[in-house]
Amino acid sequence: MNDNFYKQLIEDSPTGYAYHKIICDVDGVPCDYEFIDVNKAFAKVIGLKRSEIVGRKISSILPHLNKSELDLIHIYGDIAINGGEKEVEQFSESLKCFYNVVIHSPEKYYFTTQLGMVISRRCVEDELFNEKILTDAIFNSAPGMIYLYDQQGRLVRWNKKHEDLTGYSSNELSKISIMDWFKGDEKSQKA
C-alpha cells in the first residue's frame, strides 16, 4: 500500500490525530509545542479549522492553559526528547472534556497524539452532580407538596413544602410508608 492510503486512513479516522514539534525554553525544558499537522477529527475536538491550528503553538490556540495542561506539555516533551510511548487520561479545563491521549515520538523533538474523548466515571459523576443540583432546585422551589415513594411503598423523597404542610420533620418522613398515610393517624390526616 502506498503512503496516500495511510494518509487518507489517518485523515478519515474518527480518532483525533496530530503531529507536533516540542518547543523548549533556554534551559532545554519543554514549554510549548507547535502543530505540524492535524486530521479532521482533531480539528473538530479543538473546535477550530485545520488552517487555524497547523503552524501554531498550543499556547496561542489555548492561551489560558491551566497547571494540569501545562504538566501535559512536560509529558509530551519527555516523550518527544527521550522517545517512547505513553497513554494518559487528561481533563482539559479549556475544552471542558476528558480525553484519552496516546503519545508517541517517531523522531527526537517530534511527537504524535491520538486523541479520544473519554466518557469516564468522573465525567458521569460530574454530570450527575450537576443534574442533581438542578433537580434539587426545581424540586424545592415547587409551590406544592412533592413526594416520591419507592416500589415497597417507602417515602424516599419529598420537598420542604411537604414538611411544612404535613408538620412532619425530615426525620419523621424518612420513616413513613404509603400505608402510614392511610392508617388514619392524626398527623397524617393533616396532609
C-alpha atoms as a PDB file:
ATOM      1  CA  MET A   1       0.000   0.000   0.000  1.00  0.00           C
ATOM      2  CA  ASN A   2       1.224   3.471  -0.773  1.00  0.00           C
ATOM      3  CA  ASP A   3       1.670   6.470   1.537  1.00  0.00           C
ATOM      4  CA  ASN A   4      -1.512   8.126   0.240  1.00  0.00           C
ATOM      5  CA  PHE A   5      -3.541   5.203   1.557  1.00  0.00           C
ATOM      6  CA  TYR A   6      -2.164   5.692   5.090  1.00  0.00           C
ATOM      7  CA  LYS A   7      -2.538   9.472   4.938  1.00  0.00           C
ATOM      8  CA  GLN A   8      -6.174   9.069   3.912  1.00  0.00           C
ATOM      9  CA  LEU A   9      -6.714   6.482   6.654  1.00  0.00           C
ATOM     10  CA  ILE A  10      -5.441   8.970   9.268  1.00  0.00           C
ATOM     11  CA  GLU A  11      -7.420  11.831   7.740  1.00  0.00           C
ATOM     12  CA  ASP A  12     -10.691   9.881   7.810  1.00  0.00           C
ATOM     13  CA  SER A  13     -10.143   8.334  11.249  1.00  0.00           C
ATOM     14  CA  PRO A  14     -12.710   9.183  13.949  1.00  0.00           C
ATOM     15  CA  THR A  15      -9.775   9.408  16.378  1.00  0.00           C
ATOM     16  CA  GLY A  16      -8.181  12.824  16.620  1.00  0.00           C
ATOM     17  CA  TYR A  17      -4.604  12.758  15.321  1.00  0.00           C
ATOM     18  CA  ALA A  18      -1.970  15.480  15.462  1.00  0.00           C
ATOM     19  CA  TYR A  19       1.722  15.702  14.682  1.00  0.00           C
ATOM     20  CA  HIS A  20       3.717  18.159  16.796  1.00  0.00           C
ATOM     21  CA  LYS A  21       7.161  19.615  17.424  1.00  0.00           C
ATOM     22  CA  ILE A  22       8.119  20.237  21.035  1.00  0.00           C
ATOM     23  CA  ILE A  23       9.453  23.698  21.938  1.00  0.00           C
ATOM     24  CA  CYS A  24      11.917  24.070  24.818  1.00  0.00           C
ATOM     25  CA  ASP A  25      12.998  27.110  26.809  1.00  0.00           C
ATOM     26  CA  VAL A  26      16.648  28.253  27.036  1.00  0.00           C
ATOM     27  CA  ASP A  27      17.305  25.601  29.688  1.00  0.00           C
ATOM     28  CA  GLY A  28      16.001  22.826  27.422  1.00  0.00           C
ATOM     29  CA  VAL A  29      12.775  22.389  29.407  1.00  0.00           C
ATOM     30  CA  PRO A  30       9.655  21.765  27.288  1.00  0.00           C
ATOM     31  CA  CYS A  31       7.389  24.817  27.485  1.00  0.00           C
ATOM     32  CA  ASP A  32       5.162  24.680  24.415  1.00  0.00           C
ATOM     33  CA  TYR A  33       4.587  22.767  21.205  1.00  0.00           C
ATOM     34  CA  GLU A  34       3.700  23.526  17.612  1.00  0.00           C
ATOM     35  CA  PHE A  35       1.097  21.771  15.492  1.00  0.00           C
ATOM     36  CA  ILE A  36       2.590  20.428  12.260  1.00  0.00           C
ATOM     37  CA  ASP A  37      -0.469  18.501  11.070  1.00  0.00           C
ATOM     38  CA  VAL A  38      -3.914  17.501  12.348  1.00  0.00           C
ATOM     39  CA  ASN A  39      -6.752  15.424  10.955  1.00  0.00           C
ATOM     40  CA  LYS A  40     -10.429  16.431  10.708  1.00  0.00           C
ATOM     41  CA  ALA A  41     -11.360  14.664  13.955  1.00  0.00           C
ATOM     42  CA  PHE A  42      -8.672  16.528  15.921  1.00  0.00           C
ATOM     43  CA  ALA A  43      -9.740  19.891  14.482  1.00  0.00           C
ATOM     44  CA  LYS A  44     -13.345  19.088  15.438  1.00  0.00           C
ATOM     45  CA  VAL A  45     -12.345  18.329  19.057  1.00  0.00           C
ATOM     46  CA  ILE A  46     -10.406  21.594  19.318  1.00  0.00           C
ATOM     47  CA  GLY A  47     -13.292  23.432  17.669  1.00  0.00           C
ATOM     48  CA  LEU A  48     -11.169  25.153  15.051  1.00  0.00           C
ATOM     49  CA  LYS A  49     -10.428  24.743  11.342  1.00  0.00           C
ATOM     50  CA  ARG A  50      -7.240  22.930  10.399  1.00  0.00           C
ATOM     51  CA  SER A  51      -5.883  26.194   8.970  1.00  0.00           C
ATOM     52  CA  GLU A  52      -6.368  27.807  12.390  1.00  0.00           C
ATOM     53  CA  ILE A  53      -4.309  25.061  14.102  1.00  0.00           C
ATOM     54  CA  VAL A  54      -1.440  23.986  11.835  1.00  0.00           C
ATOM     55  CA  GLY A  55       1.685  26.087  12.290  1.00  0.00           C
ATOM     56  CA  ARG A  56       0.515  27.498  15.622  1.00  0.00           C
ATOM     57  CA  LYS A  57       1.604  26.796  19.179  1.00  0.00           C
ATOM     58  CA  ILE A  58      -0.750  25.333  21.775  1.00  0.00           C
ATOM     59  CA  SER A  59      -0.182  28.435  23.912  1.00  0.00           C
ATOM     60  CA  SER A  60      -1.676  30.608  21.171  1.00  0.00           C
ATOM     61  CA  ILE A  61      -4.599  28.256  20.476  1.00  0.00           C
ATOM     62  CA  LEU A  62      -5.449  27.742  24.157  1.00  0.00           C
ATOM     63  CA  PRO A  63      -3.863  30.776  25.853  1.00  0.00           C
ATOM     64  CA  HIS A  64      -5.404  30.022  29.255  1.00  0.00           C
ATOM     65  CA  LEU A  65      -3.719  26.680  29.889  1.00  0.00           C
ATOM     66  CA  ASN A  66      -4.113  25.510  33.466  1.00  0.00           C
ATOM     67  CA  LYS A  67      -1.479  23.705  35.550  1.00  0.00           C
ATOM     68  CA  SER A  68      -2.545  20.187  34.509  1.00  0.00           C
ATOM     69  CA  GLU A  69      -2.468  21.189  30.844  1.00  0.00           C
ATOM     70  CA  LEU A  70       0.998  22.667  31.336  1.00  0.00           C
ATOM     71  CA  ASP A  71       2.071  19.411  33.023  1.00  0.00           C
ATOM     72  CA  LEU A  72       0.919  17.619  29.885  1.00  0.00           C
ATOM     73  CA  ILE A  73       3.411  19.706  27.879  1.00  0.00           C
ATOM     74  CA  HIS A  74       6.173  18.249  30.084  1.00  0.00           C
ATOM     75  CA  ILE A  75       4.883  14.726  29.460  1.00  0.00           C
ATOM     76  CA  TYR A  76       4.797  15.395  25.712  1.00  0.00           C
ATOM     77  CA  GLY A  77       8.262  16.900  25.912  1.00  0.00           C
ATOM     78  CA  ASP A  78       9.673  13.884  27.746  1.00  0.00           C
ATOM     79  CA  ILE A  79       8.335  11.543  25.055  1.00  0.00           C
ATOM     80  CA  ALA A  80       9.495  13.845  22.218  1.00  0.00           C
ATOM     81  CA  ILE A  81      13.017  14.178  23.618  1.00  0.00           C
ATOM     82  CA  ASN A  82      13.574  10.715  25.093  1.00  0.00           C
ATOM     83  CA  GLY A  83      11.354   8.626  22.826  1.00  0.00           C
ATOM     84  CA  GLY A  84       8.770   6.057  23.737  1.00  0.00           C
ATOM     85  CA  GLU A  85       5.037   5.974  24.022  1.00  0.00           C
ATOM     86  CA  LYS A  86       2.601   6.827  26.785  1.00  0.00           C
ATOM     87  CA  GLU A  87      -1.140   6.871  27.341  1.00  0.00           C
ATOM     88  CA  VAL A  88      -2.744   9.378  29.683  1.00  0.00           C
ATOM     89  CA  GLU A  89      -6.248  10.463  30.604  1.00  0.00           C
ATOM     90  CA  GLN A  90      -6.395  14.214  30.800  1.00  0.00           C
ATOM     91  CA  PHE A  91      -9.062  16.766  31.621  1.00  0.00           C
ATOM     92  CA  SER A  92      -8.840  19.912  29.540  1.00  0.00           C
ATOM     93  CA  GLU A  93     -10.291  22.804  31.513  1.00  0.00           C
ATOM     94  CA  SER A  94     -10.088  24.940  28.377  1.00  0.00           C
ATOM     95  CA  LEU A  95     -12.169  22.447  26.373  1.00  0.00           C
ATOM     96  CA  LYS A  96     -14.233  21.134  29.333  1.00  0.00           C
ATOM     97  CA  CYS A  97     -13.672  17.474  28.419  1.00  0.00           C
ATOM     98  CA  PHE A  98     -11.769  14.389  29.471  1.00  0.00           C
ATOM     99  CA  TYR A  99      -9.513  12.881  26.831  1.00  0.00           C
ATOM    100  CA  ASN A 100      -7.566   9.706  26.430  1.00  0.00           C
ATOM    101  CA  VAL A 101      -4.282  10.732  24.787  1.00  0.00           C
ATOM    102  CA  VAL A 102      -1.792   8.299  23.245  1.00  0.00           C
ATOM    103  CA  ILE A 103       1.574   9.999  22.757  1.00  0.00           C
ATOM    104  CA  HIS A 104       4.310   8.581  20.520  1.00  0.00           C
ATOM    105  CA  SER A 105       7.601  10.004  19.261  1.00  0.00           C
ATOM    106  CA  PRO A 106       8.655   8.954  15.758  1.00  0.00           C
ATOM    107  CA  GLU A 107      11.841  11.066  15.990  1.00  0.00           C
ATOM    108  CA  LYS A 108      13.572  13.326  18.501  1.00  0.00           C
ATOM    109  CA  TYR A 109      11.703  16.598  19.231  1.00  0.00           C
ATOM    110  CA  TYR A 110       8.598  15.405  17.393  1.00  0.00           C
ATOM    111  CA  PHE A 111       5.580  13.537  18.674  1.00  0.00           C
ATOM    112  CA  THR A 112       2.131  12.433  17.646  1.00  0.00           C
ATOM    113  CA  THR A 113      -1.019  12.450  19.719  1.00  0.00           C
ATOM    114  CA  GLN A 114      -4.082  10.339  19.179  1.00  0.00           C
ATOM    115  CA  LEU A 115      -6.984  11.845  20.992  1.00  0.00           C
ATOM    116  CA  GLY A 116     -10.164  10.129  22.042  1.00  0.00           C
ATOM    117  CA  MET A 117     -12.911  11.652  24.146  1.00  0.00           C
ATOM    118  CA  VAL A 118     -13.345   9.678  27.322  1.00  0.00           C
ATOM    119  CA  ILE A 119     -16.696   9.056  28.881  1.00  0.00           C
ATOM    120  CA  SER A 120     -15.247   8.131  32.196  1.00  0.00           C
ATOM    121  CA  ARG A 121     -16.676   7.643  35.628  1.00  0.00           C
ATOM    122  CA  ARG A 122     -15.509  11.152  36.518  1.00  0.00           C
ATOM    123  CA  CYS A 123     -17.420  12.656  33.576  1.00  0.00           C
ATOM    124  CA  VAL A 124     -20.538  10.774  34.544  1.00  0.00           C
ATOM    125  CA  GLU A 125     -20.168  11.768  38.216  1.00  0.00           C
ATOM    126  CA  ASP A 126     -19.728  15.432  37.275  1.00  0.00           C
ATOM    127  CA  GLU A 127     -22.757  15.300  35.003  1.00  0.00           C
ATOM    128  CA  LEU A 128     -24.872  13.565  37.652  1.00  0.00           C
ATOM    129  CA  PHE A 129     -23.798  16.115  40.273  1.00  0.00           C
ATOM    130  CA  ASN A 130     -24.855  18.986  38.003  1.00  0.00           C
ATOM    131  CA  GLU A 131     -28.178  17.261  37.263  1.00  0.00           C
ATOM    132  CA  LYS A 132     -28.780  16.713  40.991  1.00  0.00           C
ATOM    133  CA  ILE A 133     -28.240  20.407  41.728  1.00  0.00           C
ATOM    134  CA  LEU A 134     -30.714  21.365  39.008  1.00  0.00           C
ATOM    135  CA  THR A 135     -33.262  18.738  40.068  1.00  0.00           C
ATOM    136  CA  ASP A 136     -32.992  19.773  43.723  1.00  0.00           C
ATOM    137  CA  ALA A 137     -33.509  23.423  42.817  1.00  0.00           C
ATOM    138  CA  ILE A 138     -36.627  22.628  40.787  1.00  0.00           C
ATOM    139  CA  PHE A 139     -37.919  20.132  43.342  1.00  0.00           C
ATOM    140  CA  ASN A 140     -37.550  22.501  46.291  1.00  0.00           C
ATOM    141  CA  SER A 141     -38.887  25.594  44.546  1.00  0.00           C
ATOM    142  CA  ALA A 142     -42.217  23.970  43.615  1.00  0.00           C
ATOM    143  CA  PRO A 143     -45.151  25.737  45.280  1.00  0.00           C
ATOM    144  CA  GLY A 144     -46.890  22.490  46.273  1.00  0.00           C
ATOM    145  CA  MET A 145     -46.034  19.255  48.023  1.00  0.00           C
ATOM    146  CA  ILE A 146     -43.900  16.807  46.107  1.00  0.00           C
ATOM    147  CA  TYR A 147     -43.176  13.350  47.435  1.00  0.00           C
ATOM    148  CA  LEU A 148     -41.956  10.091  45.946  1.00  0.00           C
ATOM    149  CA  TYR A 149     -42.409   6.520  47.123  1.00  0.00           C
ATOM    150  CA  ASP A 150     -40.326   3.513  46.080  1.00  0.00           C
ATOM    151  CA  GLN A 151     -41.805   0.184  44.929  1.00  0.00           C
ATOM    152  CA  GLN A 152     -42.045  -1.012  48.529  1.00  0.00           C
ATOM    153  CA  GLY A 153     -44.186   1.976  49.460  1.00  0.00           C
ATOM    154  CA  ARG A 154     -41.488   3.785  51.442  1.00  0.00           C
ATOM    155  CA  LEU A 155     -41.332   7.552  51.220  1.00  0.00           C
ATOM    156  CA  VAL A 156     -37.943   8.229  49.622  1.00  0.00           C
ATOM    157  CA  ARG A 157     -38.017  11.895  48.678  1.00  0.00           C
ATOM    158  CA  TRP A 158     -40.013  14.992  49.460  1.00  0.00           C
ATOM    159  CA  ASN A 159     -39.647  18.721  49.237  1.00  0.00           C
ATOM    160  CA  LYS A 160     -39.610  21.310  52.014  1.00  0.00           C
ATOM    161  CA  LYS A 161     -43.197  22.300  51.253  1.00  0.00           C
ATOM    162  CA  HIS A 162     -44.231  18.703  52.069  1.00  0.00           C
ATOM    163  CA  GLU A 163     -42.623  19.013  55.510  1.00  0.00           C
ATOM    164  CA  ASP A 164     -44.260  22.393  56.104  1.00  0.00           C
ATOM    165  CA  LEU A 165     -47.759  21.280  55.118  1.00  0.00           C
ATOM    166  CA  THR A 166     -47.714  17.886  56.888  1.00  0.00           C
ATOM    167  CA  GLY A 167     -45.941  19.080  60.015  1.00  0.00           C
ATOM    168  CA  TYR A 168     -43.586  16.109  59.876  1.00  0.00           C
ATOM    169  CA  SER A 169     -39.869  16.607  60.295  1.00  0.00           C
ATOM    170  CA  SER A 170     -37.430  15.236  57.765  1.00  0.00           C
ATOM    171  CA  ASN A 171     -36.504  12.513  60.266  1.00  0.00           C
ATOM    172  CA  GLU A 172     -40.166  11.519  60.726  1.00  0.00           C
ATOM    173  CA  LEU A 173     -40.847  11.495  56.990  1.00  0.00           C
ATOM    174  CA  SER A 174     -37.905   9.180  56.390  1.00  0.00           C
ATOM    175  CA  LYS A 175     -39.732   6.514  58.448  1.00  0.00           C
ATOM    176  CA  ILE A 176     -43.174   6.816  56.816  1.00  0.00           C
ATOM    177  CA  SER A 177     -44.574   4.338  54.288  1.00  0.00           C
ATOM    178  CA  ILE A 178     -47.520   4.868  51.997  1.00  0.00           C
ATOM    179  CA  MET A 179     -49.573   2.618  54.274  1.00  0.00           C
ATOM    180  CA  ASP A 180     -48.932   5.036  57.169  1.00  0.00           C
ATOM    181  CA  TRP A 181     -50.811   7.736  55.251  1.00  0.00           C
ATOM    182  CA  PHE A 182     -53.897   5.503  55.069  1.00  0.00           C
ATOM    183  CA  LYS A 183     -53.835   4.231  58.664  1.00  0.00           C
ATOM    184  CA  GLY A 184     -55.553   7.374  59.820  1.00  0.00           C
ATOM    185  CA  ASP A 185     -53.157   8.714  62.436  1.00  0.00           C
ATOM    186  CA  GLU A 186     -53.936  12.296  63.359  1.00  0.00           C
ATOM    187  CA  LYS A 187     -50.823  13.887  61.957  1.00  0.00           C
ATOM    188  CA  SER A 188     -51.078  12.177  58.537  1.00  0.00           C
ATOM    189  CA  GLN A 189     -54.705  13.335  58.291  1.00  0.00           C
ATOM    190  CA  LYS A 190     -53.442  16.938  58.202  1.00  0.00           C
ATOM    191  CA  ALA A 191     -51.759  16.154  54.885  1.00  0.00           C
END
